[in-house]
Amino acid sequence: MSRIEARPVRIRVRANGPYVIEGGEMEIVDPEGRVLISERLPVALCRCGASARKPFCDGAHARVGFDGTCGTATPGSSGGPSRRG
């Protein structure tokens, strides 16, 4: 039996759009611990807050004029938390 090599999960930040998660196996879990299922792969997660399908993106960022400009922070810098979860 051959072993299938797992692909790393990659999270891509789209300009003025969602986080796009692609790659290997993953689970998206809500605050109550329920596993959420997306019918699309890769998975796009809302970061504008306007999606009617939260946490998934529904394209609302374009309608609301979301500005997703972000810098290039590194863990431990002032650009964000350094803890890993």
Protein backbone atom coordinates (compact mmCIF):
# COMPACT_ATOMS: atom_id res chain seq x y z
CA MET A 1 0.00 0.00 0.00
CA SER A 2 1.47 3.36 -0.97
CA ARG A 3 1.36 6.30 1.37
CA ILE A 4 -0.16 9.50 -0.02
CA GLU A 5 1.86 12.54 0.94
CA ALA A 6 -0.24 15.20 2.66
CA ARG A 7 -0.21 18.60 1.02
CA PRO A 8 0.38 21.53 3.37
CA VAL A 9 -2.54 23.85 3.97
CA ARG A 10 -1.98 27.28 2.45
CA ILE A 11 -3.87 30.43 3.45
CA ARG A 12 -3.78 33.15 0.82
CA VAL A 13 -4.94 36.70 1.59
CA ARG A 14 -6.72 38.11 -1.45
CA ALA A 15 -6.48 41.85 -2.04
CA ASN A 16 -9.71 43.41 -0.75
CA GLY A 17 -11.23 39.94 -0.55
CA PRO A 18 -11.38 36.75 1.50
CA TYR A 19 -8.85 34.42 3.01
CA VAL A 20 -8.54 31.50 0.60
CA ILE A 21 -7.59 28.19 2.21
CA GLU A 22 -6.29 25.45 -0.03
CA GLY A 23 -4.23 22.33 0.24
CA GLY A 24 -4.47 19.37 2.56
CA GLU A 25 -7.09 18.08 4.92
CA MET A 26 -8.60 20.60 7.32
CA GLU A 27 -11.64 21.24 9.46
CA ILE A 28 -13.39 24.53 10.05
CA VAL A 29 -15.01 24.45 13.48
CA ASP A 30 -17.57 26.94 14.85
CA PRO A 31 -17.52 28.27 18.45
CA GLU A 32 -19.75 25.39 19.60
CA GLY A 33 -17.35 22.81 18.18
CA ARG A 34 -19.45 21.85 15.14
CA VAL A 35 -17.52 21.10 11.96
CA LEU A 36 -18.66 23.42 9.17
CA ILE A 37 -18.74 22.08 5.64
CA SER A 38 -18.15 24.10 2.49
CA GLU A 39 -19.40 22.83 -0.84
CA ARG A 40 -16.52 24.57 -2.61
CA LEU A 41 -12.81 23.89 -2.60
CA PRO A 42 -10.65 25.82 -2.06
CA VAL A 43 -12.52 27.42 0.87
CA ALA A 44 -12.90 31.21 0.97
CA LEU A 45 -13.47 32.75 4.41
CA CYS A 46 -15.02 36.19 4.83
CA ARG A 47 -12.86 38.92 6.30
CA CYS A 48 -15.05 41.94 5.46
CA GLY A 49 -17.84 40.99 7.89
CA ALA A 50 -20.63 41.52 5.35
CA SER A 51 -21.14 37.96 4.09
CA ALA A 52 -24.59 36.42 4.54
CA ARG A 53 -22.86 32.99 4.62
CA LYS A 54 -20.34 33.64 7.44
CA PRO A 55 -17.76 32.38 7.98
CA PHE A 56 -17.70 31.68 4.23
CA CYS A 57 -17.28 34.43 1.63
CA ASP A 58 -20.24 35.24 -0.60
CA GLY A 59 -18.62 38.09 -2.55
CA ALA A 60 -20.12 40.85 -0.39
CA HIS A 61 -16.69 42.50 -0.08
CA ALA A 62 -17.08 43.85 -3.61
CA ARG A 63 -20.52 45.30 -2.85
CA VAL A 64 -19.46 47.03 0.38
CA GLY A 65 -16.13 48.33 -0.94
CA PHE A 66 -14.03 46.43 1.59
CA ASP A 67 -10.46 47.71 1.91
CA GLY A 68 -8.37 44.75 2.95
CA THR A 69 -5.04 46.50 2.78
CA CYS A 70 -2.62 44.75 5.08
CA GLY A 71 1.06 45.03 5.79
CA THR A 72 3.65 42.33 6.03
CA ALA A 73 3.72 41.65 9.75
CA THR A 74 5.82 38.85 11.13
CA PRO A 75 5.00 36.82 14.25
CA GLY A 76 6.05 38.75 17.32
CA SER A 77 6.02 42.14 15.56
CA SER A 78 3.51 44.89 16.30
CA GLY A 79 1.46 43.68 13.32
CA GLY A 80 -0.38 40.96 15.19
CA PRO A 81 -0.37 38.28 17.84
CA SER A 82 2.59 35.94 18.05
CA ARG A 83 0.88 32.95 19.63
CA ARG A 84 0.13 29.87 17.56
CA GLY A 85 -3.16 28.03 17.92
